[in-house]
Protein backbone atom coordinates (compact mmCIF):
# COMPACT_ATOMS: atom_id res chain seq x y z
CA MET A 1 0.29 -0.20 0.17
CA SER A 2 1.60 3.30 -1.25
CA SER A 3 2.07 6.38 1.39
CA SER A 4 -0.80 8.27 -0.25
CA THR A 5 -3.05 5.83 0.25
CA HIS A 6 -1.89 5.64 3.89
CA ALA A 7 -2.50 8.93 4.19
CA THR A 8 -5.96 9.16 2.71
CA LEU A 9 -7.16 6.56 5.26
CA GLY A 10 -5.47 8.52 7.76
CA VAL A 11 -7.73 10.84 7.19
CA ARG A 12 -10.77 9.19 6.81
CA GLN A 13 -9.92 7.78 9.87
CA ALA A 14 -9.72 11.23 11.43
CA GLN A 15 -12.85 12.30 10.00
CA LYS A 16 -15.51 9.18 11.37
CA LEU A 17 -13.51 10.23 14.85
CA LYS A 18 -14.44 13.45 14.43
CA THR A 19 -17.85 13.19 13.11
CA ARG A 20 -18.58 10.36 16.06
CA GLN A 21 -17.56 12.60 18.60
CA ALA A 22 -19.43 15.80 17.19
CA LEU A 23 -22.56 12.92 17.97
CA LEU A 24 -21.67 12.19 21.48
CA ASP A 25 -21.28 16.47 21.61
CA ALA A 26 -24.48 17.09 20.25
CA ALA A 27 -26.86 14.57 22.34
CA LEU A 28 -24.92 15.78 25.52
CA ARG A 29 -26.16 19.14 24.74
CA LEU A 30 -29.72 18.20 23.63
CA LEU A 31 -29.88 15.63 26.96
CA GLU A 32 -29.61 18.37 29.59
CA GLU A 33 -33.23 18.92 28.39
CA GLN A 34 -34.60 15.77 28.04
CA SER A 35 -33.64 12.35 28.77
CA LEU A 36 -32.19 9.96 26.50
CA SER A 37 -35.38 7.37 25.54
CA SER A 38 -37.27 10.68 24.38
CA LEU A 39 -34.22 11.53 22.19
CA GLY A 40 -34.68 10.91 18.72
CA LEU A 41 -31.26 10.44 16.37
CA ARG A 42 -32.72 12.93 13.81
CA GLU A 43 -32.40 15.54 16.27
CA VAL A 44 -28.73 14.78 17.36
CA THR A 45 -28.12 14.30 13.32
CA ARG A 46 -29.32 17.89 12.45
CA VAL A 47 -27.23 19.53 14.99
CA VAL A 48 -23.97 17.97 13.79
CA GLY A 49 -25.25 18.88 10.42
CA VAL A 50 -25.20 15.00 8.74
CA ALA A 51 -28.08 12.92 7.32
CA PRO A 52 -29.22 10.20 9.74
CA ALA A 53 -27.82 7.63 7.45
CA ALA A 54 -24.40 8.80 8.54
CA PHE A 55 -25.32 8.05 12.53
CA TYR A 56 -25.55 4.08 11.60
CA ARG A 57 -21.77 4.57 10.70
CA HIS A 58 -20.64 5.08 13.95
CA PHE A 59 -23.34 3.83 16.37
CA ARG A 60 -26.80 0.73 15.71
CA ASP A 61 -29.13 3.47 17.52
CA MET A 62 -29.58 5.41 20.04
CA ALA A 63 -28.94 3.17 22.98
CA GLU A 64 -25.49 2.25 22.07
CA LEU A 65 -24.63 6.03 21.15
CA GLY A 66 -25.63 6.11 25.35
CA VAL A 67 -23.79 3.69 26.36
CA ALA A 68 -20.57 5.58 24.97
CA LEU A 69 -21.43 8.76 26.59
CA VAL A 70 -21.73 6.53 30.16
CA GLU A 71 -18.29 5.36 29.10
CA GLU A 72 -16.79 9.13 28.35
CA SER A 73 -18.79 10.44 31.56
CA LEU A 74 -17.34 8.00 33.93
CA GLY A 75 -13.83 7.53 32.66
CA SER A 76 -11.91 10.38 33.90
CA LEU A 77 -13.38 10.34 37.39
CA HIS A 78 -12.49 6.34 37.58
CA VAL A 79 -8.74 7.75 36.92
CA MET A 80 -9.38 10.90 39.68
CA ILE A 81 -10.04 9.01 42.22
CA ARG A 82 -8.04 5.94 42.04
CA ALA A 83 -5.24 8.47 41.96
CA VAL A 84 -6.03 10.06 45.20
CA LEU A 85 -6.51 6.53 46.89
CA ALA A 86 -3.57 5.61 45.32
CA GLU A 87 -1.36 7.99 47.39
CA GLN A 88 -0.10 7.42 50.67
CA GLN A 89 -1.65 10.25 53.04
CA GLU A 90 -3.90 10.18 56.64
CA ALA A 91 -7.48 9.81 56.18
CA GLU A 92 -8.51 13.24 56.71
CA GLU A 93 -5.89 14.10 53.13
CA VAL A 94 -7.56 11.14 51.44
CA ILE A 95 -11.25 12.83 52.43
CA ASP A 96 -10.35 16.54 51.20
CA ARG A 97 -8.59 15.53 48.34
CA SER A 98 -11.70 13.08 47.38
CA VAL A 99 -14.29 15.50 47.56
CA GLU A 100 -11.90 18.41 46.11
CA ALA A 101 -11.90 15.65 42.90
CA VAL A 102 -15.79 15.59 42.83
CA ALA A 103 -16.23 19.13 42.75
CA ASP A 104 -13.54 19.68 40.41
CA HIS A 105 -15.12 17.26 38.01
CA VAL A 106 -18.40 19.09 38.41
CA ARG A 107 -17.26 21.98 37.17
CA ARG A 108 -15.72 20.68 34.25
CA HIS A 109 -18.24 18.21 32.92
CA PRO A 110 -21.47 19.21 34.27
CA ALA A 111 -23.71 17.74 31.00
CA HIS A 112 -21.56 14.38 31.71
CA VAL A 113 -23.06 14.30 35.40
CA ARG A 114 -26.65 15.28 34.53
CA PHE A 115 -26.75 12.46 32.21
CA ILE A 116 -25.35 9.89 34.55
CA ALA A 117 -27.97 11.40 37.53
CA ARG A 118 -30.47 11.07 34.88
CA GLU A 119 -30.71 7.90 33.08
CA ARG A 120 -29.11 5.73 35.87
CA HIS A 121 -32.59 5.01 36.89
CA GLY A 122 -33.81 6.04 33.45
CA GLY A 123 -35.90 4.29 30.90
CA VAL A 124 -33.06 3.05 28.42
CA ARG A 125 -32.22 -0.23 29.90
CA ALA A 126 -28.71 -0.39 28.17
CA VAL A 127 -27.89 2.31 29.23
CA ARG A 128 -28.99 1.86 32.74
CA GLU A 129 -26.94 -1.44 32.86
CA ALA A 130 -24.00 0.23 31.20
CA ILE A 131 -23.80 2.68 34.77
CA ALA A 132 -24.21 -0.09 36.64
CA ALA A 133 -21.74 -2.06 35.17
CA GLU A 134 -19.21 1.01 34.92
CA LEU A 135 -20.15 2.03 38.90
CA ALA A 136 -19.31 -1.59 39.87
CA ARG A 137 -16.02 -1.59 38.22
CA PHE A 138 -15.26 1.60 39.62
CA GLY A 139 -16.01 -0.13 42.95
CA GLU A 140 -13.74 -3.39 42.27
CA GLU A 141 -10.66 -0.12 41.66
CA VAL A 142 -11.60 1.80 44.42
CA ALA A 143 -11.56 -1.50 46.74
CA ALA A 144 -8.31 -2.33 45.58
CA ALA A 145 -7.20 0.82 46.57
CA LEU A 146 -8.39 0.03 49.95
CA ALA A 147 -7.54 -3.39 50.25
CA ALA A 148 -3.96 -2.16 49.87
CA GLN A 149 -4.34 0.41 52.95
CA GLU A 150 -2.65 -0.78 56.55
CA VAL A 151 -5.95 -0.28 58.12
CA SER A 152 -7.57 -3.07 55.55
CA GLN A 153 -5.62 -5.92 57.33
CA GLY A 154 -7.68 -8.60 58.59
CA TRP A 155 -10.48 -7.30 56.05
CA SER A 156 -12.23 -9.88 54.44
CA ALA A 157 -12.63 -9.18 50.45
CA GLU A 158 -16.56 -8.88 50.94
CA ASP A 159 -16.37 -6.14 53.54
CA VAL A 160 -13.77 -4.50 51.61
CA ARG A 161 -16.29 -4.63 48.39
CA MET A 162 -19.00 -3.46 50.89
CA LEU A 163 -17.01 -0.33 52.23
CA ALA A 164 -15.79 0.38 48.56
CA GLY A 165 -19.68 0.60 47.53
CA LEU A 166 -20.37 2.91 50.63
CA TYR A 167 -17.74 5.32 49.02
CA VAL A 168 -18.57 5.33 45.39
CA ASP A 169 -22.37 5.92 45.96
CA HIS A 170 -21.77 8.90 48.73
CA LEU A 171 -19.13 9.72 45.73
CA VAL A 172 -21.85 9.73 42.81
CA MET A 173 -24.65 11.36 45.15
CA THR A 174 -22.29 14.06 46.27
CA ALA A 175 -21.30 14.56 42.48
CA SER A 176 -25.22 15.10 41.76
CA ALA A 177 -25.72 17.74 44.49
CA PHE A 178 -23.04 19.53 43.36
CA LEU A 179 -24.37 19.87 40.06
CA GLU A 180 -27.43 22.80 40.72
CA ALA A 181 -25.66 24.51 43.73
CA SER A 182 -24.80 28.10 44.32
CA PRO A 183 -21.03 28.42 45.10
CA GLU A 184 -22.32 29.06 48.50
CA GLU A 185 -24.15 26.02 48.59
CA GLY A 186 -21.62 23.77 47.25
CA GLN A 187 -19.11 24.66 50.00
CA ALA A 188 -22.37 23.48 52.36
CA ILE A 189 -22.24 20.25 50.51
CA ALA A 190 -18.39 19.66 50.21
CA ASP A 191 -18.39 20.35 54.19
CA THR A 192 -21.05 18.00 54.72
CA ALA A 193 -19.74 15.63 52.34
CA ARG A 194 -16.62 15.37 54.44
CA ARG A 195 -17.92 14.79 57.43
CA GLN A 196 -20.30 11.99 55.77
CA LEU A 197 -16.95 10.36 54.94
CA ARG A 198 -14.85 10.93 57.99
CA LEU A 199 -17.93 9.31 59.96
CA ILE A 200 -17.36 6.48 57.24
CA SER A 201 -13.42 6.23 58.09
CA LEU A 202 -14.44 6.19 61.50
CA GLY A 203 -16.11 3.06 61.64
CA ARG A 204 -14.08 1.43 59.03
CA ARG A 205 -11.49 1.58 61.85
CA HIS A 206 -13.60 0.15 64.48
CA TRP A 207 -15.38 -2.16 61.86
CA ARG A 208 -16.19 -6.22 63.27
CA ALA A 209 -17.53 -8.14 61.43
CA ALA A 210 -20.43 -9.96 62.95
């Protein structure tokens, strides 16, 4: 294959990826005002400026687009929280950093957070299942980080997973609370989140399985 053919294929692939991302971005903007179950692909393609038939070069249907948005929405939060938990810090510092990471994520990606909050219990089954699977994977990542900490010595794997689930549920709940909050309300939400996490941390240090 000639270099010119390679270059042509590269340009086409780049354009395909650009169009795919444009469809995701357009859907995310439209989903700020409605649920995925009520969104039609013609609305999305109209915003992007492509023919409806072009949609199917990238996604089988709107459910598959929704699943892609789930991966996009939760991926960066995974990385941030995993990095915080991996650091060897005192519990207070980990709590503060975790709450700051969630608040920063909401500030930078409000539409993604709103999408997850709305669709977690929404009407598109494939998307609900994708969110549940991503949060379960998130929980496993958090559990692995918690298991490596000295305070978890002697804990069963089941109890560590239970603790990780508490952290993940709390972080998702906190992210949703940050969404519509004013700066003053955001500070109160952050303070409450820190106190709640400290309560979980205190319970962790004194936990004894029945």
